[in-house]
Amino acid sequence: MNRIIKTTVLAAVALGLFAGPSLASRAAADACAAKLPANSQMIYAATVADVAPGVDLKDVVRSKTRSLVISGKLSRGDAEPAAEAAGACLKQVL
C-alpha cells in the first residue's frame, strides 16, 4: 500500500511540473492583458480559451475580432490595433 501512495504522489508531482509552465504562461498573459486598453482586453478575453499549441494564433484572433465587429461590440477602425495588442499578450499563453 505504501508503494501505491508513493507512486501516486510522484505522478501528481510530475503532472504539476508539466502543468507549471503552462499555468505560468497563462498567468503572465493575463497580467499582460490587464494592462491593455478595453478593446484589446475584450479581444483577449474572447480568444484566450482557444489558444493552444499548434493553433494558428493569427487565425483565432482574426476570427474572434471579426465576430466582435460583426456583433457591434467593436468598431472596424479599432479592430486592428486592438487585435495586435491582444495578440502580443496571447503569444505568452503558448
N, C-alpha and C. Protein backbone atom coordinates (compact mmCIF):
# COMPACT_ATOMS: atom_id res chain seq x y z
N MET A 1 0.83 -1.19 0.00
CA MET A 1 0.00 0.00 0.00
C MET A 1 0.87 1.25 0.00
N ASN A 2 1.95 1.22 0.73
CA ASN A 2 2.85 2.35 0.81
C ASN A 2 3.43 2.68 -0.57
N ARG A 3 3.70 1.65 -1.35
CA ARG A 3 4.25 1.85 -2.69
C ARG A 3 3.24 2.54 -3.60
N ILE A 4 1.98 2.20 -3.47
CA ILE A 4 0.93 2.82 -4.28
C ILE A 4 0.82 4.30 -3.95
N ILE A 5 0.90 4.64 -2.69
CA ILE A 5 0.83 6.05 -2.28
C ILE A 5 2.02 6.82 -2.83
N LYS A 6 3.21 6.23 -2.74
CA LYS A 6 4.40 6.90 -3.26
C LYS A 6 4.27 7.12 -4.77
N THR A 7 3.79 6.11 -5.47
CA THR A 7 3.63 6.22 -6.92
C THR A 7 2.61 7.31 -7.26
N THR A 8 1.53 7.35 -6.52
CA THR A 8 0.50 8.35 -6.75
C THR A 8 1.05 9.76 -6.51
N VAL A 9 1.78 9.92 -5.45
CA VAL A 9 2.36 11.23 -5.12
C VAL A 9 3.36 11.64 -6.19
N LEU A 10 4.21 10.73 -6.62
CA LEU A 10 5.18 11.05 -7.67
C LEU A 10 4.48 11.42 -8.97
N ALA A 11 3.42 10.72 -9.30
CA ALA A 11 2.67 11.04 -10.51
C ALA A 11 2.06 12.44 -10.41
N ALA A 12 1.51 12.76 -9.26
CA ALA A 12 0.91 14.09 -9.06
C ALA A 12 1.96 15.19 -9.17
N VAL A 13 3.13 14.95 -8.61
CA VAL A 13 4.22 15.94 -8.69
C VAL A 13 4.66 16.11 -10.13
N ALA A 14 4.79 15.01 -10.85
CA ALA A 14 5.20 15.08 -12.25
C ALA A 14 4.18 15.86 -13.07
N LEU A 15 2.92 15.61 -12.86
CA LEU A 15 1.89 16.35 -13.57
C LEU A 15 1.96 17.83 -13.22
N GLY A 16 2.22 18.14 -11.99
CA GLY A 16 2.34 19.54 -11.56
C GLY A 16 3.51 20.23 -12.23
N LEU A 17 4.59 19.51 -12.42
CA LEU A 17 5.75 20.10 -13.08
C LEU A 17 5.45 20.41 -14.54
N PHE A 18 4.73 19.52 -15.20
CA PHE A 18 4.40 19.76 -16.60
C PHE A 18 3.34 20.85 -16.74
N ALA A 19 2.44 20.95 -15.81
CA ALA A 19 1.39 21.96 -15.87
C ALA A 19 1.92 23.33 -15.48
N GLY A 20 2.98 23.37 -14.70
CA GLY A 20 3.53 24.62 -14.20
C GLY A 20 3.84 25.65 -15.26
N PRO A 21 4.62 25.31 -16.29
CA PRO A 21 4.93 26.31 -17.30
C PRO A 21 3.69 26.82 -18.01
N SER A 22 2.73 25.95 -18.25
CA SER A 22 1.51 26.38 -18.91
C SER A 22 0.74 27.38 -18.04
N LEU A 23 0.63 27.06 -16.76
CA LEU A 23 -0.07 27.96 -15.85
C LEU A 23 0.69 29.27 -15.70
N ALA A 24 2.01 29.18 -15.66
CA ALA A 24 2.81 30.40 -15.54
C ALA A 24 2.64 31.26 -16.78
N SER A 25 2.61 30.63 -17.94
CA SER A 25 2.43 31.37 -19.18
C SER A 25 1.07 32.06 -19.21
N ARG A 26 0.05 31.36 -18.78
CA ARG A 26 -1.29 31.95 -18.75
C ARG A 26 -1.34 33.09 -17.75
N ALA A 27 -0.68 32.93 -16.61
CA ALA A 27 -0.66 33.99 -15.60
C ALA A 27 0.04 35.23 -16.15
N ALA A 28 1.14 35.02 -16.86
CA ALA A 28 1.87 36.15 -17.45
C ALA A 28 1.02 36.82 -18.53
N ALA A 29 0.32 36.01 -19.32
CA ALA A 29 -0.53 36.56 -20.37
C ALA A 29 -1.69 37.35 -19.76
N ASP A 30 -2.28 36.82 -18.69
CA ASP A 30 -3.37 37.53 -18.02
C ASP A 30 -2.88 38.86 -17.43
N ALA A 31 -1.68 38.85 -16.87
CA ALA A 31 -1.11 40.09 -16.31
C ALA A 31 -0.87 41.11 -17.42
N CYS A 32 -0.40 40.62 -18.54
CA CYS A 32 -0.18 41.50 -19.70
C CYS A 32 -1.51 42.09 -20.16
N ALA A 33 -2.52 41.25 -20.27
CA ALA A 33 -3.84 41.69 -20.74
C ALA A 33 -4.48 42.70 -19.81
N ALA A 34 -4.19 42.60 -18.53
CA ALA A 34 -4.77 43.53 -17.56
C ALA A 34 -4.31 44.97 -17.81
N LYS A 35 -3.19 45.13 -18.50
CA LYS A 35 -2.65 46.45 -18.79
C LYS A 35 -3.13 47.01 -20.14
N LEU A 36 -3.88 46.20 -20.88
CA LEU A 36 -4.34 46.59 -22.22
C LEU A 36 -5.53 47.55 -22.15
N PRO A 37 -5.75 48.31 -23.22
CA PRO A 37 -6.97 49.12 -23.32
C PRO A 37 -8.20 48.19 -23.39
N ALA A 38 -9.34 48.74 -23.13
CA ALA A 38 -10.58 47.95 -23.03
C ALA A 38 -10.86 47.10 -24.28
N ASN A 39 -10.69 47.66 -25.47
CA ASN A 39 -10.96 46.88 -26.69
C ASN A 39 -10.03 45.69 -26.82
N SER A 40 -8.78 45.88 -26.48
CA SER A 40 -7.81 44.78 -26.54
C SER A 40 -8.13 43.73 -25.48
N GLN A 41 -8.54 44.17 -24.31
CA GLN A 41 -8.94 43.23 -23.26
C GLN A 41 -10.13 42.39 -23.71
N MET A 42 -11.05 43.02 -24.42
CA MET A 42 -12.23 42.30 -24.91
C MET A 42 -11.82 41.20 -25.89
N ILE A 43 -10.91 41.52 -26.80
CA ILE A 43 -10.42 40.53 -27.76
C ILE A 43 -9.66 39.42 -27.04
N TYR A 44 -8.83 39.81 -26.10
CA TYR A 44 -8.07 38.82 -25.32
C TYR A 44 -9.04 37.85 -24.62
N ALA A 45 -10.03 38.39 -23.96
CA ALA A 45 -10.99 37.56 -23.22
C ALA A 45 -11.76 36.62 -24.15
N ALA A 46 -12.08 37.10 -25.34
CA ALA A 46 -12.83 36.28 -26.29
C ALA A 46 -11.96 35.19 -26.92
N THR A 47 -10.65 35.37 -26.88
CA THR A 47 -9.75 34.50 -27.61
C THR A 47 -8.97 33.53 -26.74
N VAL A 48 -8.63 33.90 -25.54
CA VAL A 48 -7.65 33.16 -24.73
C VAL A 48 -8.01 31.68 -24.55
N ALA A 49 -9.27 31.35 -24.44
CA ALA A 49 -9.65 29.94 -24.23
C ALA A 49 -9.34 29.08 -25.46
N ASP A 50 -9.23 29.69 -26.62
CA ASP A 50 -8.97 28.94 -27.85
C ASP A 50 -7.49 28.87 -28.21
N VAL A 51 -6.64 29.46 -27.41
CA VAL A 51 -5.20 29.47 -27.69
C VAL A 51 -4.57 28.21 -27.10
N ALA A 52 -3.90 27.46 -27.97
CA ALA A 52 -3.24 26.23 -27.55
C ALA A 52 -2.09 25.95 -28.52
N PRO A 53 -1.12 25.17 -28.10
CA PRO A 53 -0.04 24.82 -29.02
C PRO A 53 -0.60 24.20 -30.30
N GLY A 54 -0.06 24.62 -31.41
CA GLY A 54 -0.50 24.10 -32.70
C GLY A 54 -1.62 24.88 -33.36
N VAL A 55 -2.24 25.79 -32.61
CA VAL A 55 -3.32 26.62 -33.15
C VAL A 55 -2.68 27.84 -33.81
N ASP A 56 -3.20 28.23 -34.97
CA ASP A 56 -2.72 29.42 -35.65
C ASP A 56 -3.29 30.64 -34.92
N LEU A 57 -2.46 31.29 -34.14
CA LEU A 57 -2.90 32.40 -33.30
C LEU A 57 -3.52 33.52 -34.12
N LYS A 58 -2.91 33.85 -35.25
CA LYS A 58 -3.45 34.93 -36.09
C LYS A 58 -4.87 34.61 -36.55
N ASP A 59 -5.09 33.38 -36.95
CA ASP A 59 -6.43 32.99 -37.41
C ASP A 59 -7.46 33.08 -36.29
N VAL A 60 -7.08 32.64 -35.10
CA VAL A 60 -8.01 32.67 -33.96
C VAL A 60 -8.33 34.12 -33.60
N VAL A 61 -7.32 34.95 -33.51
CA VAL A 61 -7.53 36.36 -33.16
C VAL A 61 -8.37 37.04 -34.24
N ARG A 62 -8.06 36.77 -35.49
CA ARG A 62 -8.80 37.38 -36.59
C ARG A 62 -10.28 36.97 -36.53
N SER A 63 -10.53 35.70 -36.33
CA SER A 63 -11.90 35.21 -36.27
C SER A 63 -12.69 35.81 -35.11
N LYS A 64 -12.08 35.83 -33.94
CA LYS A 64 -12.77 36.38 -32.76
C LYS A 64 -12.98 37.88 -32.91
N THR A 65 -11.99 38.58 -33.45
CA THR A 65 -12.12 40.02 -33.64
C THR A 65 -13.22 40.32 -34.66
N ARG A 66 -13.25 39.56 -35.73
CA ARG A 66 -14.29 39.74 -36.74
C ARG A 66 -15.68 39.55 -36.12
N SER A 67 -15.82 38.54 -35.28
CA SER A 67 -17.11 38.30 -34.61
C SER A 67 -17.51 39.48 -33.73
N LEU A 68 -16.53 40.06 -33.04
CA LEU A 68 -16.82 41.22 -32.19
C LEU A 68 -17.24 42.43 -33.01
N VAL A 69 -16.63 42.60 -34.18
CA VAL A 69 -17.00 43.71 -35.07
C VAL A 69 -18.41 43.48 -35.62
N ILE A 70 -18.67 42.28 -36.09
CA ILE A 70 -19.98 41.97 -36.66
C ILE A 70 -21.09 42.13 -35.63
N SER A 71 -20.80 41.78 -34.39
CA SER A 71 -21.81 41.90 -33.33
C SER A 71 -21.98 43.33 -32.83
N GLY A 72 -21.13 44.24 -33.31
CA GLY A 72 -21.24 45.64 -32.93
C GLY A 72 -20.55 45.99 -31.62
N LYS A 73 -19.79 45.06 -31.07
CA LYS A 73 -19.10 45.32 -29.80
C LYS A 73 -17.78 46.05 -30.00
N LEU A 74 -17.30 46.06 -31.24
CA LEU A 74 -16.01 46.67 -31.56
C LEU A 74 -16.14 47.33 -32.92
N SER A 75 -15.63 48.56 -33.04
CA SER A 75 -15.70 49.23 -34.34
C SER A 75 -14.64 48.68 -35.27
N ARG A 76 -14.91 48.77 -36.53
CA ARG A 76 -13.98 48.25 -37.54
C ARG A 76 -12.63 48.98 -37.47
N GLY A 77 -12.68 50.28 -37.23
CA GLY A 77 -11.46 51.07 -37.15
C GLY A 77 -10.59 50.75 -35.95
N ASP A 78 -11.22 50.34 -34.88
CA ASP A 78 -10.46 49.99 -33.66
C ASP A 78 -9.97 48.54 -33.65
N ALA A 79 -10.49 47.73 -34.55
CA ALA A 79 -10.24 46.29 -34.50
C ALA A 79 -8.77 45.91 -34.67
N GLU A 80 -8.13 46.44 -35.70
CA GLU A 80 -6.75 46.01 -35.98
C GLU A 80 -5.77 46.36 -34.87
N PRO A 81 -5.72 47.63 -34.41
CA PRO A 81 -4.76 47.91 -33.34
C PRO A 81 -5.09 47.17 -32.04
N ALA A 82 -6.36 46.99 -31.76
CA ALA A 82 -6.74 46.26 -30.55
C ALA A 82 -6.34 44.79 -30.65
N ALA A 83 -6.52 44.21 -31.82
CA ALA A 83 -6.16 42.81 -32.03
C ALA A 83 -4.65 42.61 -31.94
N GLU A 84 -3.89 43.55 -32.47
CA GLU A 84 -2.43 43.44 -32.39
C GLU A 84 -1.95 43.49 -30.95
N ALA A 85 -2.53 44.39 -30.17
CA ALA A 85 -2.14 44.49 -28.76
C ALA A 85 -2.54 43.22 -28.00
N ALA A 86 -3.74 42.72 -28.24
CA ALA A 86 -4.19 41.50 -27.59
C ALA A 86 -3.31 40.32 -28.00
N GLY A 87 -2.95 40.27 -29.27
CA GLY A 87 -2.09 39.19 -29.78
C GLY A 87 -0.74 39.13 -29.09
N ALA A 88 -0.20 40.29 -28.75
CA ALA A 88 1.09 40.31 -28.05
C ALA A 88 0.99 39.59 -26.71
N CYS A 89 -0.11 39.77 -26.02
CA CYS A 89 -0.31 39.09 -24.73
C CYS A 89 -0.66 37.61 -24.95
N LEU A 90 -1.47 37.34 -25.96
CA LEU A 90 -1.90 35.97 -26.22
C LEU A 90 -0.71 35.07 -26.58
N LYS A 91 0.32 35.63 -27.18
CA LYS A 91 1.52 34.84 -27.52
C LYS A 91 2.15 34.23 -26.27
N GLN A 92 1.97 34.90 -25.14
CA GLN A 92 2.57 34.41 -23.90
C GLN A 92 1.89 33.14 -23.38
N VAL A 93 0.68 32.89 -23.84
CA VAL A 93 -0.03 31.67 -23.43
C VAL A 93 0.67 30.44 -23.99
N LEU A 94 1.21 30.58 -25.19
CA LEU A 94 1.89 29.48 -25.86
C LEU A 94 3.24 29.30 -25.25
